[in-house]
Amino acid sequence: MKKILIIEDEAIISFGYRLQLEQMGFEVTGSAASSAEAEQLLREQQPDAIMMDVYLKGEKTGLDLAREIRTSDKLPIVFLTASNKPEIVEGIRDLGGCHYLLKPVDLDGLNQVLHRIMRGDA
């Protein structure tokens, strides 16, 4: 079973993602609400992919955290965010190997992206 780490600062949204991912056949290794919590979980867990919001609690944004992750690991990252600001979209594109879905998230689209990532097609 493929493992996903959720990084989302809204607890109810994170919980909803967990339920949806489990129904899709994925294992959720953990949920983090801040970049600091995410960094801790990444050290402890070995996820196959990350699902992350752009805006997080704490001093770092999701983009900041993703840049740090990408320096040492090519772990696939799917950003789920309500923001469609050009600087956010460009920031995600510049990271390479990252995907972007707008909230509210289309679950079929999310399912397709995650399965393509896990097969190595994305």
C-alpha atoms as a PDB file:
ATOM      1  CA  MET A   1       0.000   0.000   0.000  1.00  0.00           C
ATOM      2  CA  LYS A   2       1.389   3.407  -0.976  1.00  0.00           C
ATOM      3  CA  LYS A   3       1.905   5.896   1.862  1.00  0.00           C
ATOM      4  CA  ILE A   4       1.018   9.586   1.832  1.00  0.00           C
ATOM      5  CA  LEU A   5       1.822  12.339   4.334  1.00  0.00           C
ATOM      6  CA  ILE A   6      -0.791  15.110   4.634  1.00  0.00           C
ATOM      7  CA  ILE A   7       0.432  18.644   5.410  1.00  0.00           C
ATOM      8  CA  GLU A   8      -2.646  20.835   5.961  1.00  0.00           C
ATOM      9  CA  ASP A   9      -3.223  23.430   8.688  1.00  0.00           C
ATOM     10  CA  GLU A  10      -7.011  23.002   8.880  1.00  0.00           C
ATOM     11  CA  ALA A  11      -7.765  19.923  11.014  1.00  0.00           C
ATOM     12  CA  ILE A  12     -11.209  19.218   9.546  1.00  0.00           C
ATOM     13  CA  ILE A  13      -9.862  19.418   5.989  1.00  0.00           C
ATOM     14  CA  SER A  14      -6.934  17.180   6.888  1.00  0.00           C
ATOM     15  CA  PHE A  15      -9.300  14.637   8.417  1.00  0.00           C
ATOM     16  CA  GLY A  16     -11.470  14.685   5.280  1.00  0.00           C
ATOM     17  CA  TYR A  17      -8.400  14.098   3.106  1.00  0.00           C
ATOM     18  CA  ARG A  18      -7.392  11.168   5.320  1.00  0.00           C
ATOM     19  CA  LEU A  19     -10.785   9.516   4.872  1.00  0.00           C
ATOM     20  CA  GLN A  20     -10.761  10.070   1.113  1.00  0.00           C
ATOM     21  CA  LEU A  21      -7.199   8.770   0.696  1.00  0.00           C
ATOM     22  CA  GLU A  22      -7.974   5.647   2.695  1.00  0.00           C
ATOM     23  CA  GLN A  23     -11.057   5.024   0.520  1.00  0.00           C
ATOM     24  CA  MET A  24      -8.792   5.372  -2.542  1.00  0.00           C
ATOM     25  CA  GLY A  25      -6.557   2.636  -1.158  1.00  0.00           C
ATOM     26  CA  PHE A  26      -3.691   4.710   0.239  1.00  0.00           C
ATOM     27  CA  GLU A  27      -2.177   4.611   3.714  1.00  0.00           C
ATOM     28  CA  VAL A  28      -1.869   7.976   5.481  1.00  0.00           C
ATOM     29  CA  THR A  29       1.388   7.993   7.439  1.00  0.00           C
ATOM     30  CA  GLY A  30       0.473  11.140   9.375  1.00  0.00           C
ATOM     31  CA  SER A  31      -0.896  14.660   9.296  1.00  0.00           C
ATOM     32  CA  ALA A  32       0.975  17.877  10.012  1.00  0.00           C
ATOM     33  CA  ALA A  33      -0.494  21.345  10.519  1.00  0.00           C
ATOM     34  CA  SER A  34       2.786  23.297  10.366  1.00  0.00           C
ATOM     35  CA  SER A  35       6.107  23.142   8.586  1.00  0.00           C
ATOM     36  CA  ALA A  36       7.879  22.251  11.855  1.00  0.00           C
ATOM     37  CA  GLU A  37       5.486  19.355  12.487  1.00  0.00           C
ATOM     38  CA  ALA A  38       5.882  18.233   8.872  1.00  0.00           C
ATOM     39  CA  GLU A  39       9.676  18.252   9.140  1.00  0.00           C
ATOM     40  CA  GLN A  40       9.429  16.047  12.245  1.00  0.00           C
ATOM     41  CA  LEU A  41       7.074  13.577  10.533  1.00  0.00           C
ATOM     42  CA  LEU A  42       9.260  13.440   7.427  1.00  0.00           C
ATOM     43  CA  ARG A  43      12.217  12.405   9.602  1.00  0.00           C
ATOM     44  CA  GLU A  44      10.124   9.687  11.290  1.00  0.00           C
ATOM     45  CA  GLN A  45       8.040   8.413   8.359  1.00  0.00           C
ATOM     46  CA  GLN A  46       8.892   7.182   4.897  1.00  0.00           C
ATOM     47  CA  PRO A  47       5.977   8.416   2.752  1.00  0.00           C
ATOM     48  CA  ASP A  48       5.809   7.716  -0.970  1.00  0.00           C
ATOM     49  CA  ALA A  49       4.242  11.139  -1.629  1.00  0.00           C
ATOM     50  CA  ILE A  50       3.149  14.336   0.114  1.00  0.00           C
ATOM     51  CA  MET A  51      -0.185  16.132  -0.140  1.00  0.00           C
ATOM     52  CA  MET A  52       0.324  19.724   1.008  1.00  0.00           C
ATOM     53  CA  ASP A  53      -1.374  23.111   1.261  1.00  0.00           C
ATOM     54  CA  VAL A  54       0.581  26.190   0.191  1.00  0.00           C
ATOM     55  CA  TYR A  55      -0.361  28.128   3.331  1.00  0.00           C
ATOM     56  CA  LEU A  56       0.645  26.509   6.624  1.00  0.00           C
ATOM     57  CA  LYS A  57       0.899  27.496  10.261  1.00  0.00           C
ATOM     58  CA  GLY A  58       4.385  28.561  11.277  1.00  0.00           C
ATOM     59  CA  GLU A  59       7.128  30.565   9.690  1.00  0.00           C
ATOM     60  CA  LYS A  60       7.402  28.580   6.448  1.00  0.00           C
ATOM     61  CA  THR A  61       4.899  28.259   3.642  1.00  0.00           C
ATOM     62  CA  GLY A  62       4.269  25.012   1.834  1.00  0.00           C
ATOM     63  CA  LEU A  63       6.443  26.308  -1.012  1.00  0.00           C
ATOM     64  CA  ASP A  64       9.319  27.004   1.401  1.00  0.00           C
ATOM     65  CA  LEU A  65       9.007  23.524   2.865  1.00  0.00           C
ATOM     66  CA  ALA A  66       8.791  21.918  -0.582  1.00  0.00           C
ATOM     67  CA  ARG A  67      11.972  23.730  -1.696  1.00  0.00           C
ATOM     68  CA  GLU A  68      13.798  22.322   1.327  1.00  0.00           C
ATOM     69  CA  ILE A  69      12.448  18.811   0.719  1.00  0.00           C
ATOM     70  CA  ARG A  70      13.414  18.928  -2.971  1.00  0.00           C
ATOM     71  CA  THR A  71      17.062  19.741  -2.161  1.00  0.00           C
ATOM     72  CA  SER A  72      17.561  16.260  -0.704  1.00  0.00           C
ATOM     73  CA  ASP A  73      14.590  14.186  -1.868  1.00  0.00           C
ATOM     74  CA  LYS A  74      12.598  13.960  -5.098  1.00  0.00           C
ATOM     75  CA  LEU A  75       9.491  12.847  -3.213  1.00  0.00           C
ATOM     76  CA  PRO A  76       6.364  13.688  -5.284  1.00  0.00           C
ATOM     77  CA  ILE A  77       4.346  16.572  -3.862  1.00  0.00           C
ATOM     78  CA  VAL A  78       0.727  17.397  -4.685  1.00  0.00           C
ATOM     79  CA  PHE A  79      -0.276  20.907  -3.642  1.00  0.00           C
ATOM     80  CA  LEU A  80      -3.931  21.417  -2.748  1.00  0.00           C
ATOM     81  CA  THR A  81      -4.729  25.094  -2.346  1.00  0.00           C
ATOM     82  CA  ALA A  82      -7.430  27.679  -2.881  1.00  0.00           C
ATOM     83  CA  SER A  83      -4.862  30.110  -4.307  1.00  0.00           C
ATOM     84  CA  ASN A  84      -4.463  30.549  -8.031  1.00  0.00           C
ATOM     85  CA  LYS A  85      -2.134  33.558  -7.744  1.00  0.00           C
ATOM     86  CA  PRO A  86       0.412  33.547 -10.584  1.00  0.00           C
ATOM     87  CA  GLU A  87       3.367  33.650  -8.163  1.00  0.00           C
ATOM     88  CA  ILE A  88       2.056  30.535  -6.379  1.00  0.00           C
ATOM     89  CA  VAL A  89       1.451  28.612  -9.609  1.00  0.00           C
ATOM     90  CA  GLU A  90       4.894  29.606 -10.930  1.00  0.00           C
ATOM     91  CA  GLY A  91       6.511  28.675  -7.606  1.00  0.00           C
ATOM     92  CA  ILE A  92       5.008  25.188  -7.830  1.00  0.00           C
ATOM     93  CA  ARG A  93       6.083  24.786 -11.470  1.00  0.00           C
ATOM     94  CA  ASP A  94       9.628  25.912 -10.623  1.00  0.00           C
ATOM     95  CA  LEU A  95       9.952  23.110  -8.075  1.00  0.00           C
ATOM     96  CA  GLY A  96       9.639  20.400 -10.720  1.00  0.00           C
ATOM     97  CA  GLY A  97       7.922  17.097 -10.013  1.00  0.00           C
ATOM     98  CA  CYS A  98       5.110  18.802  -8.130  1.00  0.00           C
ATOM     99  CA  HIS A  99       1.421  18.879  -8.983  1.00  0.00           C
ATOM    100  CA  TYR A 100      -1.245  21.463  -8.225  1.00  0.00           C
ATOM    101  CA  LEU A 101      -4.995  21.080  -7.651  1.00  0.00           C
ATOM    102  CA  LEU A 102      -7.383  23.860  -6.674  1.00  0.00           C
ATOM    103  CA  LYS A 103      -9.633  23.599  -3.617  1.00  0.00           C
ATOM    104  CA  PRO A 104     -12.309  22.475  -3.419  1.00  0.00           C
ATOM    105  CA  VAL A 105     -10.503  19.413  -4.702  1.00  0.00           C
ATOM    106  CA  ASP A 106     -12.088  17.225  -7.345  1.00  0.00           C
ATOM    107  CA  LEU A 107     -11.627  13.776  -5.787  1.00  0.00           C
ATOM    108  CA  ASP A 108     -11.538  11.970  -9.140  1.00  0.00           C
ATOM    109  CA  GLY A 109      -8.779  14.313 -10.299  1.00  0.00           C
ATOM    110  CA  LEU A 110      -6.853  13.796  -7.061  1.00  0.00           C
ATOM    111  CA  ASN A 111      -7.222  10.031  -7.368  1.00  0.00           C
ATOM    112  CA  GLN A 112      -5.909  10.106 -10.946  1.00  0.00           C
ATOM    113  CA  VAL A 113      -2.923  12.304 -10.061  1.00  0.00           C
ATOM    114  CA  LEU A 114      -1.956  10.174  -7.061  1.00  0.00           C
ATOM    115  CA  HIS A 115      -2.206   6.892  -8.957  1.00  0.00           C
ATOM    116  CA  ARG A 116      -0.154   8.312 -11.859  1.00  0.00           C
ATOM    117  CA  ILE A 117       2.500   9.472  -9.368  1.00  0.00           C
ATOM    118  CA  MET A 118       2.622   6.086  -7.680  1.00  0.00           C
ATOM    119  CA  ARG A 119       3.012   4.329 -11.051  1.00  0.00           C
ATOM    120  CA  GLY A 120       5.743   6.788 -12.028  1.00  0.00           C
ATOM    121  CA  ASP A 121       3.686   8.185 -14.919  1.00  0.00           C
ATOM    122  CA  ALA A 122       3.560  11.768 -13.663  1.00  0.00           C
END
